Amino acid sequence: MMMNAVLADYAVSVTDLKRNYATIINEAVGAVAVLNHNRPEAYLVPAAYYEQLMDYLEDLEDAEIVRQRMNNEKSVKVNLDEL
């Protein structure tokens, strides 16, 4: 039998989510693991948290591009007065 980690403080079955969606959404604090046959099927997160997460991932991707360019490209001196 394979064990699955639940990466949330709260868990709910698919059946309970269907029956009590509004209550679960209103009472949830942070992520909720949605279990199907006692295994994580999905994670339900508040919209604001998801938006923050997407912004954070975009920032990480931008930082990686900067690191790659710093290592692979020659620098060019620029005079701000000439711009």
C-alpha atoms as a PDB file:
ATOM      1  CA  MET A   1       0.000   0.000   0.000  1.00  0.00           C
ATOM      2  CA  MET A   2       1.383   3.378  -1.001  1.00  0.00           C
ATOM      3  CA  MET A   3       1.091   6.266   1.450  1.00  0.00           C
ATOM      4  CA  ASN A   4       0.278   9.740   0.134  1.00  0.00           C
ATOM      5  CA  ALA A   5       1.220  12.912   1.976  1.00  0.00           C
ATOM      6  CA  VAL A   6      -1.573  15.407   2.461  1.00  0.00           C
ATOM      7  CA  LEU A   7      -0.074  18.863   1.962  1.00  0.00           C
ATOM      8  CA  ALA A   8      -2.802  20.818   3.730  1.00  0.00           C
ATOM      9  CA  ASP A   9      -4.001  21.351   7.277  1.00  0.00           C
ATOM     10  CA  TYR A  10      -7.537  20.377   6.301  1.00  0.00           C
ATOM     11  CA  ALA A  11      -8.927  17.505   4.264  1.00  0.00           C
ATOM     12  CA  VAL A  12     -12.400  16.708   2.953  1.00  0.00           C
ATOM     13  CA  SER A  13     -13.762  13.883   0.858  1.00  0.00           C
ATOM     14  CA  VAL A  14     -15.113  14.513  -2.632  1.00  0.00           C
ATOM     15  CA  THR A  15     -18.541  13.455  -1.372  1.00  0.00           C
ATOM     16  CA  ASP A  16     -18.460  15.915   1.538  1.00  0.00           C
ATOM     17  CA  LEU A  17     -17.283  18.678  -0.778  1.00  0.00           C
ATOM     18  CA  LYS A  18     -20.240  18.051  -3.090  1.00  0.00           C
ATOM     19  CA  ARG A  19     -22.707  18.039  -0.188  1.00  0.00           C
ATOM     20  CA  ASN A  20     -21.297  20.961   1.798  1.00  0.00           C
ATOM     21  CA  TYR A  21     -19.411  23.097  -0.724  1.00  0.00           C
ATOM     22  CA  ALA A  22     -20.554  26.486   0.594  1.00  0.00           C
ATOM     23  CA  THR A  23     -19.820  25.606   4.220  1.00  0.00           C
ATOM     24  CA  ILE A  24     -16.386  24.216   3.422  1.00  0.00           C
ATOM     25  CA  ILE A  25     -15.467  27.272   1.333  1.00  0.00           C
ATOM     26  CA  ASN A  26     -16.666  29.662   4.045  1.00  0.00           C
ATOM     27  CA  GLU A  27     -14.894  27.856   6.889  1.00  0.00           C
ATOM     28  CA  ALA A  28     -11.669  26.932   5.112  1.00  0.00           C
ATOM     29  CA  VAL A  29      -8.497  28.650   6.219  1.00  0.00           C
ATOM     30  CA  GLY A  30      -5.741  28.027   3.704  1.00  0.00           C
ATOM     31  CA  ALA A  31      -5.597  24.991   1.457  1.00  0.00           C
ATOM     32  CA  VAL A  32      -8.031  22.089   1.708  1.00  0.00           C
ATOM     33  CA  ALA A  33      -7.040  18.658   0.418  1.00  0.00           C
ATOM     34  CA  VAL A  34      -9.846  16.985  -1.529  1.00  0.00           C
ATOM     35  CA  LEU A  35      -9.622  13.238  -0.971  1.00  0.00           C
ATOM     36  CA  ASN A  36     -10.895  10.516  -3.261  1.00  0.00           C
ATOM     37  CA  HIS A  37     -10.735   7.061  -1.662  1.00  0.00           C
ATOM     38  CA  ASN A  38      -8.572   8.590   1.100  1.00  0.00           C
ATOM     39  CA  ARG A  39      -5.962   9.851  -1.384  1.00  0.00           C
ATOM     40  CA  PRO A  40      -5.359  13.484  -2.304  1.00  0.00           C
ATOM     41  CA  GLU A  41      -7.167  14.159  -5.574  1.00  0.00           C
ATOM     42  CA  ALA A  42      -6.897  17.951  -5.615  1.00  0.00           C
ATOM     43  CA  TYR A  43      -6.218  20.971  -3.446  1.00  0.00           C
ATOM     44  CA  LEU A  44      -8.704  23.779  -3.017  1.00  0.00           C
ATOM     45  CA  VAL A  45      -7.145  27.166  -2.274  1.00  0.00           C
ATOM     46  CA  PRO A  46      -8.684  30.629  -1.838  1.00  0.00           C
ATOM     47  CA  ALA A  47      -8.599  32.739  -5.013  1.00  0.00           C
ATOM     48  CA  ALA A  48      -6.467  35.465  -3.400  1.00  0.00           C
ATOM     49  CA  TYR A  49      -3.867  32.894  -2.337  1.00  0.00           C
ATOM     50  CA  TYR A  50      -3.779  31.363  -5.812  1.00  0.00           C
ATOM     51  CA  GLU A  51      -3.273  34.808  -7.361  1.00  0.00           C
ATOM     52  CA  GLN A  52      -0.406  35.522  -4.948  1.00  0.00           C
ATOM     53  CA  LEU A  53       1.122  32.159  -5.782  1.00  0.00           C
ATOM     54  CA  MET A  54       0.979  32.882  -9.524  1.00  0.00           C
ATOM     55  CA  ASP A  55       2.601  36.298  -8.969  1.00  0.00           C
ATOM     56  CA  TYR A  56       5.337  34.671  -6.889  1.00  0.00           C
ATOM     57  CA  LEU A  57       6.025  32.035  -9.546  1.00  0.00           C
ATOM     58  CA  GLU A  58       6.230  34.737 -12.212  1.00  0.00           C
ATOM     59  CA  ASP A  59       8.745  36.629 -10.059  1.00  0.00           C
ATOM     60  CA  LEU A  60      10.824  33.450  -9.673  1.00  0.00           C
ATOM     61  CA  GLU A  61      10.798  32.884 -13.435  1.00  0.00           C
ATOM     62  CA  ASP A  62      11.883  36.492 -14.039  1.00  0.00           C
ATOM     63  CA  ALA A  63      14.692  36.137 -11.491  1.00  0.00           C
ATOM     64  CA  GLU A  64      15.899  32.965 -13.236  1.00  0.00           C
ATOM     65  CA  ILE A  65      15.994  34.784 -16.591  1.00  0.00           C
ATOM     66  CA  VAL A  66      18.075  37.545 -14.980  1.00  0.00           C
ATOM     67  CA  ARG A  67      20.501  34.977 -13.501  1.00  0.00           C
ATOM     68  CA  GLN A  68      20.893  33.229 -16.851  1.00  0.00           C
ATOM     69  CA  ARG A  69      21.517  36.483 -18.676  1.00  0.00           C
ATOM     70  CA  MET A  70      24.046  37.624 -16.095  1.00  0.00           C
ATOM     71  CA  ASN A  71      26.020  34.429 -16.630  1.00  0.00           C
ATOM     72  CA  ASN A  72      25.744  34.235 -20.421  1.00  0.00           C
ATOM     73  CA  GLU A  73      25.802  37.776 -21.758  1.00  0.00           C
ATOM     74  CA  LYS A  74      28.477  40.420 -21.857  1.00  0.00           C
ATOM     75  CA  SER A  75      27.663  43.644 -20.096  1.00  0.00           C
ATOM     76  CA  VAL A  76      27.304  46.853 -22.082  1.00  0.00           C
ATOM     77  CA  LYS A  77      28.194  50.228 -20.621  1.00  0.00           C
ATOM     78  CA  VAL A  78      25.472  52.786 -21.141  1.00  0.00           C
ATOM     79  CA  ASN A  79      25.534  56.503 -20.532  1.00  0.00           C
ATOM     80  CA  LEU A  80      22.159  57.571 -19.153  1.00  0.00           C
ATOM     81  CA  ASP A  81      22.486  60.986 -20.779  1.00  0.00           C
ATOM     82  CA  GLU A  82      22.658  59.338 -24.194  1.00  0.00           C
ATOM     83  CA  LEU A  83      19.430  57.415 -23.684  1.00  0.00           C
END
